Amino acid sequence: MYKPKSKTKDHKKKLLVKMKTTTFSVEGMMCGGCAASVEKAALGVQGVQTAFASLDSHSLTVDYAPETTSPEAIMKAVRLAGFECKL
């Protein structure tokens, strides 16, 4: 009888990583394209799972693995995309 392999230890570790949510203030977003650029920049940072940019509140909310990345790394990526980003 065929028994599928169990998930690897690394996969199990990834499932156990506790995510952290942080909201940043972002200046310079003027349209949906800007918001998409901010989200793309944040999602390009290793360890970022989700990113939502809001034009209404000029903010970026990110879920990330604190063992893998930091708010500073996320802010740097957003700044490199051409937007001011602060905690």
Protein backbone atom coordinates (compact mmCIF):
# COMPACT_ATOMS: atom_id res chain seq x y z
CA MET A 1 0.00 0.00 0.00
CA TYR A 2 1.28 3.45 -0.93
CA LYS A 3 1.77 5.87 1.94
CA PRO A 4 2.48 9.47 1.02
CA LYS A 5 5.47 11.01 2.73
CA SER A 6 4.73 13.24 5.69
CA LYS A 7 5.55 16.90 5.45
CA THR A 8 9.15 17.82 6.08
CA LYS A 9 10.35 19.24 9.36
CA ASP A 10 11.12 22.52 7.61
CA HIS A 11 7.55 22.75 6.37
CA LYS A 12 6.25 22.12 9.89
CA LYS A 13 8.55 24.83 11.24
CA LYS A 14 7.16 27.28 8.70
CA LEU A 15 3.65 26.49 9.85
CA LEU A 16 4.64 27.24 13.44
CA VAL A 17 6.18 30.64 12.69
CA LYS A 18 4.31 33.31 14.61
CA MET A 19 3.42 36.20 12.35
CA LYS A 20 3.42 39.81 13.48
CA THR A 21 1.20 42.59 12.11
CA THR A 22 2.53 46.14 11.81
CA THR A 23 0.96 49.24 10.30
CA PHE A 24 3.17 51.88 8.69
CA SER A 25 2.39 55.45 7.66
CA VAL A 26 3.11 55.94 3.94
CA GLU A 27 3.36 59.32 2.22
CA GLY A 28 3.23 59.81 -1.53
CA MET A 29 0.47 57.37 -2.52
CA MET A 30 -1.83 59.23 -4.92
CA CYS A 31 -3.64 56.44 -6.78
CA GLY A 32 -4.33 52.74 -6.93
CA GLY A 33 -1.14 52.22 -8.90
CA CYS A 34 0.86 53.81 -6.10
CA ALA A 35 -0.83 51.58 -3.53
CA ALA A 36 -0.07 48.53 -5.68
CA SER A 37 3.59 49.60 -5.91
CA VAL A 38 3.81 49.94 -2.13
CA GLU A 39 2.26 46.49 -1.64
CA LYS A 40 4.59 44.95 -4.23
CA ALA A 41 7.63 46.49 -2.53
CA ALA A 42 6.59 45.12 0.86
CA LEU A 43 5.77 41.68 -0.55
CA GLY A 44 9.23 41.58 -2.10
CA VAL A 45 10.78 41.42 1.36
CA GLN A 46 11.51 37.86 2.45
CA GLY A 47 9.29 36.96 5.39
CA VAL A 48 6.38 39.22 4.42
CA GLN A 49 3.21 37.17 4.03
CA THR A 50 0.59 39.85 3.30
CA ALA A 51 0.59 43.57 2.57
CA PHE A 52 -2.37 45.95 2.24
CA ALA A 53 -1.91 49.61 1.31
CA SER A 54 -4.79 52.01 2.00
CA LEU A 55 -5.10 55.27 0.09
CA ASP A 56 -7.74 56.53 2.53
CA SER A 57 -5.55 56.22 5.61
CA HIS A 58 -2.18 56.56 3.81
CA SER A 59 -1.06 53.37 5.52
CA LEU A 60 0.44 49.96 4.86
CA THR A 61 -0.49 46.97 7.01
CA VAL A 62 1.88 44.02 6.80
CA ASP A 63 1.91 40.50 8.26
CA TYR A 64 5.47 39.22 8.51
CA ALA A 65 7.68 36.69 10.26
CA PRO A 66 9.78 38.63 12.80
CA GLU A 67 12.41 35.87 12.74
CA THR A 68 12.95 36.54 9.04
CA THR A 69 12.55 40.29 8.57
CA SER A 70 12.03 43.53 10.46
CA PRO A 71 9.97 46.71 10.18
CA GLU A 72 13.16 48.51 9.15
CA ALA A 73 13.66 46.17 6.17
CA ILE A 74 10.07 46.69 5.08
CA MET A 75 10.37 50.49 5.39
CA LYS A 76 13.60 50.40 3.36
CA ALA A 77 11.89 48.46 0.55
CA VAL A 78 8.98 50.92 0.44
CA ARG A 79 11.38 53.88 0.43
CA LEU A 80 13.36 52.33 -2.43
CA ALA A 81 10.05 52.16 -4.34
CA GLY A 82 9.80 55.96 -3.99
CA PHE A 83 7.53 56.46 -0.98
CA GLU A 84 8.14 57.81 2.52
CA CYS A 85 7.42 55.15 5.12
CA LYS A 86 7.39 55.46 8.94
CA LEU A 87 6.21 53.43 11.90
